Amino acid sequence: MQHASLTTERWAAFAPGQRLLMIANELNRASARMAPEDGRSRRLSYERALRLTDLTIQLADRPGLRRELLRWRDLLAELYLAEEPRAEAHRDVLRALLLLSPITATQLSILG
């Protein structure tokens, strides 16, 4: 996995908003892989997003953000476990992530 060797220390070098944007980038990659034949690629994108989310949770210094990230992670895990996640569910999960920070909320326009 691409992010398997990423350390907490390296991830901490990024600002919290940047971390969320990088997770969103993985979900954006998965957005292009919603067809049934793209299941393996989509799952790999979800795996990377889960790994980055776990690192972000470890670094969350605000209890409220940690709580919301843990809840959001459950939504992402549901997508990961679904054989064929619905595109609307995927968009909703991405939207929920982007709403976690004022910095990332500026990117909501990518959802159309």
PDB file of N, CA and C in Angstrom:
ATOM      1  N   MET A   1       0.837  -1.172   0.000  1.00  0.00           N
ATOM      2  CA  MET A   1       0.000   0.000   0.000  1.00  0.00           C
ATOM      3  C   MET A   1       0.888   1.243   0.000  1.00  0.00           C
ATOM      4  N   GLN A   2       0.460   2.221  -0.738  1.00  0.00           N
ATOM      5  CA  GLN A   2       1.244   3.440  -0.936  1.00  0.00           C
ATOM      6  C   GLN A   2       1.576   4.153   0.374  1.00  0.00           C
ATOM      7  N   HIS A   3       0.643   4.210   1.318  1.00  0.00           N
ATOM      8  CA  HIS A   3       0.851   4.956   2.557  1.00  0.00           C
ATOM      9  C   HIS A   3       1.230   4.067   3.742  1.00  0.00           C
ATOM     10  N   ALA A   4       1.515   2.808   3.496  1.00  0.00           N
ATOM     11  CA  ALA A   4       1.788   1.878   4.590  1.00  0.00           C
ATOM     12  C   ALA A   4       3.006   2.290   5.400  1.00  0.00           C
ATOM     13  N   SER A   5       3.993   2.874   4.762  1.00  0.00           N
ATOM     14  CA  SER A   5       5.215   3.254   5.467  1.00  0.00           C
ATOM     15  C   SER A   5       5.185   4.703   5.979  1.00  0.00           C
ATOM     16  N   LEU A   6       4.090   5.394   5.763  1.00  0.00           N
ATOM     17  CA  LEU A   6       3.974   6.780   6.230  1.00  0.00           C
ATOM     18  C   LEU A   6       3.922   6.793   7.754  1.00  0.00           C
ATOM     19  N   THR A   7       4.797   7.550   8.354  1.00  0.00           N
ATOM     20  CA  THR A   7       4.856   7.605   9.815  1.00  0.00           C
ATOM     21  C   THR A   7       3.984   8.738  10.340  1.00  0.00           C
ATOM     22  N   THR A   8       3.638   8.621  11.600  1.00  0.00           N
ATOM     23  CA  THR A   8       2.881   9.681  12.259  1.00  0.00           C
ATOM     24  C   THR A   8       3.675  10.971  12.247  1.00  0.00           C
ATOM     25  N   GLU A   9       4.975  10.869  12.437  1.00  0.00           N
ATOM     26  CA  GLU A   9       5.828  12.053  12.449  1.00  0.00           C
ATOM     27  C   GLU A   9       5.798  12.763  11.101  1.00  0.00           C
ATOM     28  N   ARG A  10       5.883  12.008  10.031  1.00  0.00           N
ATOM     29  CA  ARG A  10       5.846  12.600   8.685  1.00  0.00           C
ATOM     30  C   ARG A  10       4.475  13.219   8.421  1.00  0.00           C
ATOM     31  N   TRP A  11       3.418  12.527   8.823  1.00  0.00           N
ATOM     32  CA  TRP A  11       2.061  13.014   8.610  1.00  0.00           C
ATOM     33  C   TRP A  11       1.827  14.292   9.423  1.00  0.00           C
ATOM     34  N   ALA A  12       2.449  14.370  10.603  1.00  0.00           N
ATOM     35  CA  ALA A  12       2.305  15.542  11.463  1.00  0.00           C
ATOM     36  C   ALA A  12       2.917  16.794  10.827  1.00  0.00           C
ATOM     37  N   ALA A  13       3.783  16.624   9.855  1.00  0.00           N
ATOM     38  CA  ALA A  13       4.406  17.769   9.189  1.00  0.00           C
ATOM     39  C   ALA A  13       3.397  18.558   8.349  1.00  0.00           C
ATOM     40  N   PHE A  14       2.268  17.939   8.037  1.00  0.00           N
ATOM     41  CA  PHE A  14       1.234  18.607   7.257  1.00  0.00           C
ATOM     42  C   PHE A  14       0.236  19.283   8.196  1.00  0.00           C
ATOM     43  N   ALA A  15      -0.283  20.403   7.788  1.00  0.00           N
ATOM     44  CA  ALA A  15      -1.309  21.099   8.561  1.00  0.00           C
ATOM     45  C   ALA A  15      -2.581  20.245   8.584  1.00  0.00           C
ATOM     46  N   PRO A  16      -3.390  20.370   9.625  1.00  0.00           N
ATOM     47  CA  PRO A  16      -4.616  19.562   9.714  1.00  0.00           C
ATOM     48  C   PRO A  16      -5.504  19.655   8.472  1.00  0.00           C
ATOM     49  N   GLY A  17      -5.679  20.846   7.933  1.00  0.00           N
ATOM     50  CA  GLY A  17      -6.483  20.987   6.725  1.00  0.00           C
ATOM     51  C   GLY A  17      -5.888  20.248   5.540  1.00  0.00           C
ATOM     52  N   GLN A  18      -4.557  20.269   5.433  1.00  0.00           N
ATOM     53  CA  GLN A  18      -3.886  19.539   4.348  1.00  0.00           C
ATOM     54  C   GLN A  18      -4.112  18.037   4.496  1.00  0.00           C
ATOM     55  N   ARG A  19      -4.080  17.549   5.725  1.00  0.00           N
ATOM     56  CA  ARG A  19      -4.310  16.115   5.959  1.00  0.00           C
ATOM     57  C   ARG A  19      -5.695  15.719   5.448  1.00  0.00           C
ATOM     58  N   LEU A  20      -6.691  16.536   5.799  1.00  0.00           N
ATOM     59  CA  LEU A  20      -8.047  16.225   5.345  1.00  0.00           C
ATOM     60  C   LEU A  20      -8.154  16.292   3.822  1.00  0.00           C
ATOM     61  N   LEU A  21      -7.464  17.248   3.216  1.00  0.00           N
ATOM     62  CA  LEU A  21      -7.486  17.344   1.754  1.00  0.00           C
ATOM     63  C   LEU A  21      -6.826  16.129   1.104  1.00  0.00           C
ATOM     64  N   MET A  22      -5.793  15.596   1.721  1.00  0.00           N
ATOM     65  CA  MET A  22      -5.142  14.402   1.160  1.00  0.00           C
ATOM     66  C   MET A  22      -6.046  13.175   1.272  1.00  0.00           C
ATOM     67  N   ILE A  23      -6.806  13.099   2.361  1.00  0.00           N
ATOM     68  CA  ILE A  23      -7.788  12.013   2.480  1.00  0.00           C
ATOM     69  C   ILE A  23      -8.854  12.195   1.399  1.00  0.00           C
ATOM     70  N   ALA A  24      -9.313  13.428   1.235  1.00  0.00           N
ATOM     71  CA  ALA A  24     -10.314  13.724   0.203  1.00  0.00           C
ATOM     72  C   ALA A  24      -9.788  13.380  -1.187  1.00  0.00           C
ATOM     73  N   ASN A  25      -8.506  13.583  -1.405  1.00  0.00           N
ATOM     74  CA  ASN A  25      -7.907  13.240  -2.697  1.00  0.00           C
ATOM     75  C   ASN A  25      -8.039  11.743  -2.972  1.00  0.00           C
ATOM     76  N   GLU A  26      -7.825  10.927  -1.948  1.00  0.00           N
ATOM     77  CA  GLU A  26      -7.993   9.477  -2.133  1.00  0.00           C
ATOM     78  C   GLU A  26      -9.445   9.140  -2.465  1.00  0.00           C
ATOM     79  N   LEU A  27     -10.368   9.816  -1.803  1.00  0.00           N
ATOM     80  CA  LEU A  27     -11.778   9.573  -2.105  1.00  0.00           C
ATOM     81  C   LEU A  27     -12.129  10.067  -3.500  1.00  0.00           C
ATOM     82  N   ASN A  28     -11.509  11.148  -3.917  1.00  0.00           N
ATOM     83  CA  ASN A  28     -11.727  11.636  -5.271  1.00  0.00           C
ATOM     84  C   ASN A  28     -11.238  10.610  -6.294  1.00  0.00           C
ATOM     85  N   ARG A  29     -10.103   9.988  -6.001  1.00  0.00           N
ATOM     86  CA  ARG A  29      -9.614   8.912  -6.882  1.00  0.00           C
ATOM     87  C   ARG A  29     -10.636   7.783  -6.957  1.00  0.00           C
ATOM     88  N   ALA A  30     -11.199   7.428  -5.809  1.00  0.00           N
ATOM     89  CA  ALA A  30     -12.205   6.361  -5.782  1.00  0.00           C
ATOM     90  C   ALA A  30     -13.449   6.753  -6.575  1.00  0.00           C
ATOM     91  N   SER A  31     -13.757   8.055  -6.618  1.00  0.00           N
ATOM     92  CA  SER A  31     -14.927   8.539  -7.366  1.00  0.00           C
ATOM     93  C   SER A  31     -14.862   8.131  -8.827  1.00  0.00           C
ATOM     94  N   ALA A  32     -13.665   8.076  -9.363  1.00  0.00           N
ATOM     95  CA  ALA A  32     -13.482   7.706 -10.766  1.00  0.00           C
ATOM     96  C   ALA A  32     -13.501   6.198 -10.967  1.00  0.00           C
ATOM     97  N   ARG A  33     -13.686   5.458  -9.873  1.00  0.00           N
ATOM     98  CA  ARG A  33     -13.642   3.985  -9.941  1.00  0.00           C
ATOM     99  C   ARG A  33     -14.902   3.365  -9.350  1.00  0.00           C
ATOM    100  N   MET A  34     -16.045   3.899  -9.695  1.00  0.00           N
ATOM    101  CA  MET A  34     -17.294   3.410  -9.124  1.00  0.00           C
ATOM    102  C   MET A  34     -17.935   2.286  -9.935  1.00  0.00           C
ATOM    103  N   ALA A  35     -17.412   2.000 -11.119  1.00  0.00           N
ATOM    104  CA  ALA A  35     -17.963   0.914 -11.931  1.00  0.00           C
ATOM    105  C   ALA A  35     -17.638  -0.431 -11.275  1.00  0.00           C
ATOM    106  N   PRO A  36     -18.508  -1.411 -11.433  1.00  0.00           N
ATOM    107  CA  PRO A  36     -18.280  -2.720 -10.815  1.00  0.00           C
ATOM    108  C   PRO A  36     -16.918  -3.338 -11.168  1.00  0.00           C
ATOM    109  N   GLU A  37     -16.464  -3.133 -12.377  1.00  0.00           N
ATOM    110  CA  GLU A  37     -15.176  -3.722 -12.788  1.00  0.00           C
ATOM    111  C   GLU A  37     -13.968  -3.021 -12.156  1.00  0.00           C
ATOM    112  N   ASP A  38     -14.197  -1.884 -11.530  1.00  0.00           N
ATOM    113  CA  ASP A  38     -13.119  -1.128 -10.883  1.00  0.00           C
ATOM    114  C   ASP A  38     -13.049  -1.376  -9.380  1.00  0.00           C
ATOM    115  N   GLY A  39     -13.694  -2.419  -8.918  1.00  0.00           N
ATOM    116  CA  GLY A  39     -13.791  -2.682  -7.493  1.00  0.00           C
ATOM    117  C   GLY A  39     -12.452  -2.757  -6.782  1.00  0.00           C
ATOM    118  N   ARG A  40     -11.480  -3.428  -7.371  1.00  0.00           N
ATOM    119  CA  ARG A  40     -10.178  -3.566  -6.705  1.00  0.00           C
ATOM    120  C   ARG A  40      -9.496  -2.206  -6.551  1.00  0.00           C
ATOM    121  N   SER A  41      -9.482  -1.408  -7.604  1.00  0.00           N
ATOM    122  CA  SER A  41      -8.856  -0.077  -7.539  1.00  0.00           C
ATOM    123  C   SER A  41      -9.577   0.818  -6.537  1.00  0.00           C
ATOM    124  N   ARG A  42     -10.909   0.731  -6.540  1.00  0.00           N
ATOM    125  CA  ARG A  42     -11.694   1.539  -5.600  1.00  0.00           C
ATOM    126  C   ARG A  42     -11.373   1.140  -4.162  1.00  0.00           C
ATOM    127  N   ARG A  43     -11.302  -0.151  -3.881  1.00  0.00           N
ATOM    128  CA  ARG A  43     -10.992  -0.629  -2.531  1.00  0.00           C
ATOM    129  C   ARG A  43      -9.600  -0.177  -2.092  1.00  0.00           C
ATOM    130  N   LEU A  44      -8.647  -0.170  -3.018  1.00  0.00           N
ATOM    131  CA  LEU A  44      -7.306   0.302  -2.672  1.00  0.00           C
ATOM    132  C   LEU A  44      -7.320   1.784  -2.306  1.00  0.00           C
ATOM    133  N   SER A  45      -8.119   2.573  -3.021  1.00  0.00           N
ATOM    134  CA  SER A  45      -8.252   3.993  -2.674  1.00  0.00           C
ATOM    135  C   SER A  45      -8.874   4.137  -1.294  1.00  0.00           C
ATOM    136  N   TYR A  46      -9.889   3.341  -1.010  1.00  0.00           N
ATOM    137  CA  TYR A  46     -10.510   3.378   0.315  1.00  0.00           C
ATOM    138  C   TYR A  46      -9.523   2.942   1.399  1.00  0.00           C
ATOM    139  N   GLU A  47      -8.715   1.936   1.109  1.00  0.00           N
ATOM    140  CA  GLU A  47      -7.702   1.498   2.081  1.00  0.00           C
ATOM    141  C   GLU A  47      -6.714   2.625   2.388  1.00  0.00           C
ATOM    142  N   ARG A  48      -6.272   3.307   1.347  1.00  0.00           N
ATOM    143  CA  ARG A  48      -5.350   4.428   1.570  1.00  0.00           C
ATOM    144  C   ARG A  48      -6.024   5.523   2.380  1.00  0.00           C
ATOM    145  N   ALA A  49      -7.279   5.818   2.071  1.00  0.00           N
ATOM    146  CA  ALA A  49      -8.016   6.843   2.824  1.00  0.00           C
ATOM    147  C   ALA A  49      -8.186   6.419   4.286  1.00  0.00           C
ATOM    148  N   LEU A  50      -8.445   5.157   4.527  1.00  0.00           N
ATOM    149  CA  LEU A  50      -8.564   4.667   5.909  1.00  0.00           C
ATOM    150  C   LEU A  50      -7.243   4.820   6.649  1.00  0.00           C
ATOM    151  N   ARG A  51      -6.144   4.496   5.992  1.00  0.00           N
ATOM    152  CA  ARG A  51      -4.827   4.617   6.627  1.00  0.00           C
ATOM    153  C   ARG A  51      -4.535   6.078   6.979  1.00  0.00           C
ATOM    154  N   LEU A  52      -4.797   6.979   6.058  1.00  0.00           N
ATOM    155  CA  LEU A  52      -4.564   8.399   6.317  1.00  0.00           C
ATOM    156  C   LEU A  52      -5.499   8.917   7.411  1.00  0.00           C
ATOM    157  N   THR A  53      -6.717   8.407   7.434  1.00  0.00           N
ATOM    158  CA  THR A  53      -7.662   8.792   8.476  1.00  0.00           C
ATOM    159  C   THR A  53      -7.166   8.337   9.842  1.00  0.00           C
ATOM    160  N   ASP A  54      -6.661   7.120   9.918  1.00  0.00           N
ATOM    161  CA  ASP A  54      -6.131   6.613  11.192  1.00  0.00           C
ATOM    162  C   ASP A  54      -4.983   7.490  11.694  1.00  0.00           C
ATOM    163  N   LEU A  55      -4.109   7.875  10.799  1.00  0.00           N
ATOM    164  CA  LEU A  55      -3.006   8.761  11.188  1.00  0.00           C
ATOM    165  C   LEU A  55      -3.536  10.113  11.655  1.00  0.00           C
ATOM    166  N   THR A  56      -4.534  10.616  10.971  1.00  0.00           N
ATOM    167  CA  THR A  56      -5.112  11.908  11.322  1.00  0.00           C
ATOM    168  C   THR A  56      -5.790  11.839  12.690  1.00  0.00           C
ATOM    169  N   ILE A  57      -6.461  10.755  12.970  1.00  0.00           N
ATOM    170  CA  ILE A  57      -7.093  10.569  14.274  1.00  0.00           C
ATOM    171  C   ILE A  57      -6.040  10.550  15.374  1.00  0.00           C
ATOM    172  N   GLN A  58      -4.931   9.879  15.131  1.00  0.00           N
ATOM    173  CA  GLN A  58      -3.852   9.831  16.122  1.00  0.00           C
ATOM    174  C   GLN A  58      -3.328  11.224  16.446  1.00  0.00           C
ATOM    175  N   LEU A  59      -3.345  12.109  15.471  1.00  0.00           N
ATOM    176  CA  LEU A  59      -2.781  13.448  15.644  1.00  0.00           C
ATOM    177  C   LEU A  59      -3.814  14.499  16.054  1.00  0.00           C
ATOM    178  N   ALA A  60      -5.085  14.131  16.076  1.00  0.00           N
ATOM    179  CA  ALA A  60      -6.130  15.114  16.385  1.00  0.00           C
ATOM    180  C   ALA A  60      -5.950  15.618  17.814  1.00  0.00           C
ATOM    181  N   ASP A  61      -5.706  16.916  17.946  1.00  0.00           N
ATOM    182  CA  ASP A  61      -5.471  17.491  19.266  1.00  0.00           C
ATOM    183  C   ASP A  61      -6.741  18.072  19.879  1.00  0.00           C
ATOM    184  N   ARG A  62      -7.794  18.149  19.093  1.00  0.00           N
ATOM    185  CA  ARG A  62      -9.078  18.634  19.602  1.00  0.00           C
ATOM    186  C   ARG A  62     -10.025  17.445  19.770  1.00  0.00           C
ATOM    187  N   PRO A  63     -10.555  17.235  20.970  1.00  0.00           N
ATOM    188  CA  PRO A  63     -11.445  16.083  21.196  1.00  0.00           C
ATOM    189  C   PRO A  63     -12.647  16.055  20.251  1.00  0.00           C
ATOM    190  N   GLY A  64     -13.202  17.230  19.943  1.00  0.00           N
ATOM    191  CA  GLY A  64     -14.343  17.275  19.028  1.00  0.00           C
ATOM    192  C   GLY A  64     -13.989  16.779  17.644  1.00  0.00           C
ATOM    193  N   LEU A  65     -12.830  17.186  17.146  1.00  0.00           N
ATOM    194  CA  LEU A  65     -12.392  16.732  15.826  1.00  0.00           C
ATOM    195  C   LEU A  65     -12.120  15.236  15.845  1.00  0.00           C
ATOM    196  N   ARG A  66     -11.481  14.749  16.899  1.00  0.00           N
ATOM    197  CA  ARG A  66     -11.211  13.306  17.005  1.00  0.00           C
ATOM    198  C   ARG A  66     -12.521  12.517  16.968  1.00  0.00           C
ATOM    199  N   ARG A  67     -13.509  12.977  17.731  1.00  0.00           N
ATOM    200  CA  ARG A  67     -14.805  12.301  17.770  1.00  0.00           C
ATOM    201  C   ARG A  67     -15.446  12.271  16.381  1.00  0.00           C
ATOM    202  N   GLU A  68     -15.437  13.417  15.696  1.00  0.00           N
ATOM    203  CA  GLU A  68     -16.047  13.486  14.368  1.00  0.00           C
ATOM    204  C   GLU A  68     -15.285  12.628  13.357  1.00  0.00           C
ATOM    205  N   LEU A  69     -13.969  12.606  13.454  1.00  0.00           N
ATOM    206  CA  LEU A  69     -13.178  11.754  12.557  1.00  0.00           C
ATOM    207  C   LEU A  69     -13.465  10.280  12.799  1.00  0.00           C
ATOM    208  N   LEU A  70     -13.637   9.892  14.048  1.00  0.00           N
ATOM    209  CA  LEU A  70     -13.964   8.495  14.351  1.00  0.00           C
ATOM    210  C   LEU A  70     -15.330   8.119  13.781  1.00  0.00           C
ATOM    211  N   ARG A  71     -16.280   9.018  13.911  1.00  0.00           N
ATOM    212  CA  ARG A  71     -17.606   8.771  13.318  1.00  0.00           C
ATOM    213  C   ARG A  71     -17.503   8.695  11.796  1.00  0.00           C
ATOM    214  N   TRP A  72     -16.746   9.626  11.234  1.00  0.00           N
ATOM    215  CA  TRP A  72     -16.600   9.662   9.774  1.00  0.00           C
ATOM    216  C   TRP A  72     -15.902   8.401   9.279  1.00  0.00           C
ATOM    217  N   ARG A  73     -14.934   7.913  10.040  1.00  0.00           N
ATOM    218  CA  ARG A  73     -14.211   6.697   9.652  1.00  0.00           C
ATOM    219  C   ARG A  73     -15.168   5.518   9.519  1.00  0.00           C
ATOM    220  N   ASP A  74     -16.168   5.456  10.390  1.00  0.00           N
ATOM    221  CA  ASP A  74     -17.167   4.390  10.297  1.00  0.00           C
ATOM    222  C   ASP A  74     -17.911   4.448   8.963  1.00  0.00           C
ATOM    223  N   LEU A  75     -18.213   5.658   8.503  1.00  0.00           N
ATOM    224  CA  LEU A  75     -18.879   5.808   7.200  1.00  0.00           C
ATOM    225  C   LEU A  75     -17.983   5.314   6.071  1.00  0.00           C
ATOM    226  N   LEU A  76     -16.709   5.675   6.152  1.00  0.00           N
ATOM    227  CA  LEU A  76     -15.759   5.234   5.134  1.00  0.00           C
ATOM    228  C   LEU A  76     -15.604   3.720   5.157  1.00  0.00           C
ATOM    229  N   ALA A  77     -15.563   3.146   6.343  1.00  0.00           N
ATOM    230  CA  ALA A  77     -15.435   1.689   6.461  1.00  0.00           C
ATOM    231  C   ALA A  77     -16.630   0.982   5.826  1.00  0.00           C
ATOM    232  N   GLU A  78     -17.820   1.571   5.950  1.00  0.00           N
ATOM    233  CA  GLU A  78     -18.997   0.983   5.304  1.00  0.00           C
ATOM    234  C   GLU A  78     -18.839   0.971   3.791  1.00  0.00           C
ATOM    235  N   LEU A  79     -18.308   2.054   3.240  1.00  0.00           N
ATOM    236  CA  LEU A  79     -18.059   2.082   1.791  1.00  0.00           C
ATOM    237  C   LEU A  79     -17.052   1.007   1.406  1.00  0.00           C
ATOM    238  N   TYR A  80     -16.010   0.889   2.199  1.00  0.00           N
ATOM    239  CA  TYR A  80     -14.960  -0.089   1.928  1.00  0.00           C
ATOM    240  C   TYR A  80     -15.531  -1.507   1.919  1.00  0.00           C
ATOM    241  N   LEU A  81     -16.426  -1.792   2.842  1.00  0.00           N
ATOM    242  CA  LEU A  81     -16.978  -3.142   2.962  1.00  0.00           C
ATOM    243  C   LEU A  81     -18.067  -3.450   1.939  1.00  0.00           C
ATOM    244  N   ALA A  82     -18.662  -2.417   1.365  1.00  0.00           N
ATOM    245  CA  ALA A  82     -19.726  -2.634   0.383  1.00  0.00           C
ATOM    246  C   ALA A  82     -19.148  -3.219  -0.896  1.00  0.00           C
ATOM    247  N   GLU A  83     -19.827  -4.204  -1.435  1.00  0.00           N
ATOM    248  CA  GLU A  83     -19.366  -4.797  -2.699  1.00  0.00           C
ATOM    249  C   GLU A  83     -19.387  -3.764  -3.817  1.00  0.00           C
ATOM    250  N   GLU A  84     -20.495  -3.043  -3.901  1.00  0.00           N
ATOM    251  CA  GLU A  84     -20.634  -1.988  -4.898  1.00  0.00           C
ATOM    252  C   GLU A  84     -21.286  -0.781  -4.225  1.00  0.00           C
ATOM    253  N   PRO A  85     -20.481   0.108  -3.649  1.00  0.00           N
ATOM    254  CA  PRO A  85     -21.068   1.273  -2.981  1.00  0.00           C
ATOM    255  C   PRO A  85     -21.799   2.170  -3.974  1.00  0.00           C
ATOM    256  N   ARG A  86     -22.888   2.739  -3.504  1.00  0.00           N
ATOM    257  CA  ARG A  86     -23.641   3.668  -4.336  1.00  0.00           C
ATOM    258  C   ARG A  86     -22.856   4.963  -4.494  1.00  0.00           C
ATOM    259  N   ALA A  87     -22.900   5.529  -5.675  1.00  0.00           N
ATOM    260  CA  ALA A  87     -22.191   6.786  -5.941  1.00  0.00           C
ATOM    261  C   ALA A  87     -22.688   7.891  -5.021  1.00  0.00           C
ATOM    262  N   GLU A  88     -23.996   7.902  -4.712  1.00  0.00           N
ATOM    263  CA  GLU A  88     -24.540   8.934  -3.825  1.00  0.00           C
ATOM    264  C   GLU A  88     -23.960   8.789  -2.418  1.00  0.00           C
ATOM    265  N   ALA A  89     -23.829   7.550  -1.943  1.00  0.00           N
ATOM    266  CA  ALA A  89     -23.257   7.320  -0.614  1.00  0.00           C
ATOM    267  C   ALA A  89     -21.798   7.780  -0.589  1.00  0.00           C
ATOM    268  N   HIS A  90     -21.084   7.492  -1.651  1.00  0.00           N
ATOM    269  CA  HIS A  90     -19.689   7.913  -1.747  1.00  0.00           C
ATOM    270  C   HIS A  90     -19.595   9.442  -1.682  1.00  0.00           C
ATOM    271  N   ARG A  91     -20.432  10.127  -2.454  1.00  0.00           N
ATOM    272  CA  ARG A  91     -20.446  11.594  -2.465  1.00  0.00           C
ATOM    273  C   ARG A  91     -20.792  12.146  -1.091  1.00  0.00           C
ATOM    274  N   ASP A  92     -21.747  11.509  -0.415  1.00  0.00           N
ATOM    275  CA  ASP A  92     -22.142  11.963   0.920  1.00  0.00           C
ATOM    276  C   ASP A  92     -20.992  11.842   1.915  1.00  0.00           C
ATOM    277  N   VAL A  93     -20.242  10.752   1.821  1.00  0.00           N
ATOM    278  CA  VAL A  93     -19.103  10.547   2.720  1.00  0.00           C
ATOM    279  C   VAL A  93     -18.015  11.583   2.427  1.00  0.00           C
ATOM    280  N   LEU A  94     -17.752  11.833   1.169  1.00  0.00           N
ATOM    281  CA  LEU A  94     -16.768  12.847   0.804  1.00  0.00           C
ATOM    282  C   LEU A  94     -17.226  14.235   1.272  1.00  0.00           C
ATOM    283  N   ARG A  95     -18.496  14.545   1.095  1.00  0.00           N
ATOM    284  CA  ARG A  95     -19.043  15.829   1.539  1.00  0.00           C
ATOM    285  C   ARG A  95     -18.884  15.982   3.053  1.00  0.00           C
ATOM    286  N   ALA A  96     -19.184  14.926   3.803  1.00  0.00           N
ATOM    287  CA  ALA A  96     -19.057  14.974   5.265  1.00  0.00           C
ATOM    288  C   ALA A  96     -17.609  15.245   5.676  1.00  0.00           C
ATOM    289  N   LEU A  97     -16.659  14.649   4.971  1.00  0.00           N
ATOM    290  CA  LEU A  97     -15.243  14.898   5.263  1.00  0.00           C
ATOM    291  C   LEU A  97     -14.902  16.364   5.019  1.00  0.00           C
ATOM    292  N   LEU A  98     -15.313  16.881   3.884  1.00  0.00           N
ATOM    293  CA  LEU A  98     -14.975  18.253   3.532  1.00  0.00           C
ATOM    294  C   LEU A  98     -15.587  19.266   4.502  1.00  0.00           C
ATOM    295  N   LEU A  99     -16.694  18.912   5.124  1.00  0.00           N
ATOM    296  CA  LEU A  99     -17.348  19.820   6.061  1.00  0.00           C
ATOM    297  C   LEU A  99     -16.675  19.849   7.433  1.00  0.00           C
ATOM    298  N   LEU A 100     -15.669  19.021   7.659  1.00  0.00           N
ATOM    299  CA  LEU A 100     -14.998  18.969   8.957  1.00  0.00           C
ATOM    300  C   LEU A 100     -14.083  20.166   9.224  1.00  0.00           C
ATOM    301  N   SER A 101     -13.767  20.932   8.199  1.00  0.00           N
ATOM    302  CA  SER A 101     -12.838  22.048   8.369  1.00  0.00           C
ATOM    303  C   SER A 101     -13.219  23.180   7.422  1.00  0.00           C
ATOM    304  N   PRO A 102     -13.070  24.422   7.867  1.00  0.00           N
ATOM    305  CA  PRO A 102     -13.339  25.546   6.963  1.00  0.00           C
ATOM    306  C   PRO A 102     -12.439  25.516   5.728  1.00  0.00           C
ATOM    307  N   ILE A 103     -11.229  25.035   5.892  1.00  0.00           N
ATOM    308  CA  ILE A 103     -10.292  24.968   4.764  1.00  0.00           C
ATOM    309  C   ILE A 103     -10.781  23.975   3.719  1.00  0.00           C
ATOM    310  N   THR A 104     -11.213  22.808   4.170  1.00  0.00           N
ATOM    311  CA  THR A 104     -11.652  21.783   3.228  1.00  0.00           C
ATOM    312  C   THR A 104     -13.039  22.083   2.680  1.00  0.00           C
ATOM    313  N   ALA A 105     -13.858  22.801   3.445  1.00  0.00           N
ATOM    314  CA  ALA A 105     -15.210  23.136   2.976  1.00  0.00           C
ATOM    315  C   ALA A 105     -15.168  23.974   1.702  1.00  0.00           C
ATOM    316  N   THR A 106     -14.085  24.666   1.472  1.00  0.00           N
ATOM    317  CA  THR A 106     -13.970  25.464   0.236  1.00  0.00           C
ATOM    318  C   THR A 106     -13.918  24.575  -1.000  1.00  0.00           C
ATOM    319  N   GLN A 107     -13.700  23.290  -0.799  1.00  0.00           N
ATOM    320  CA  GLN A 107     -13.589  22.362  -1.928  1.00  0.00           C
ATOM    321  C   GLN A 107     -14.907  21.663  -2.263  1.00  0.00           C
ATOM    322  N   LEU A 108     -15.985  22.025  -1.589  1.00  0.00           N
ATOM    323  CA  LEU A 108     -17.269  21.372  -1.824  1.00  0.00           C
ATOM    324  C   LEU A 108     -17.737  21.481  -3.278  1.00  0.00           C
ATOM    325  N   SER A 109     -17.264  22.480  -3.976  1.00  0.00           N
ATOM    326  CA  SER A 109     -17.674  22.662  -5.371  1.00  0.00           C
ATOM    327  C   SER A 109     -17.281  21.492  -6.259  1.00  0.00           C
ATOM    328  N   ILE A 110     -16.287  20.684  -5.860  1.00  0.00           N
ATOM    329  CA  ILE A 110     -15.893  19.540  -6.692  1.00  0.00           C
ATOM    330  C   ILE A 110     -16.989  18.483  -6.742  1.00  0.00           C
ATOM    331  N   LEU A 111     -17.933  18.562  -5.818  1.00  0.00           N
ATOM    332  CA  LEU A 111     -19.024  17.575  -5.787  1.00  0.00           C
ATOM    333  C   LEU A 111     -20.173  17.949  -6.694  1.00  0.00           C
ATOM    334  N   GLY A 112     -20.117  19.134  -7.262  1.00  0.00           N
ATOM    335  CA  GLY A 112     -21.141  19.576  -8.180  1.00  0.00           C
ATOM    336  C   GLY A 112     -22.402  20.068  -7.541  1.00  0.00           C
TER     337      GLY A 112
END
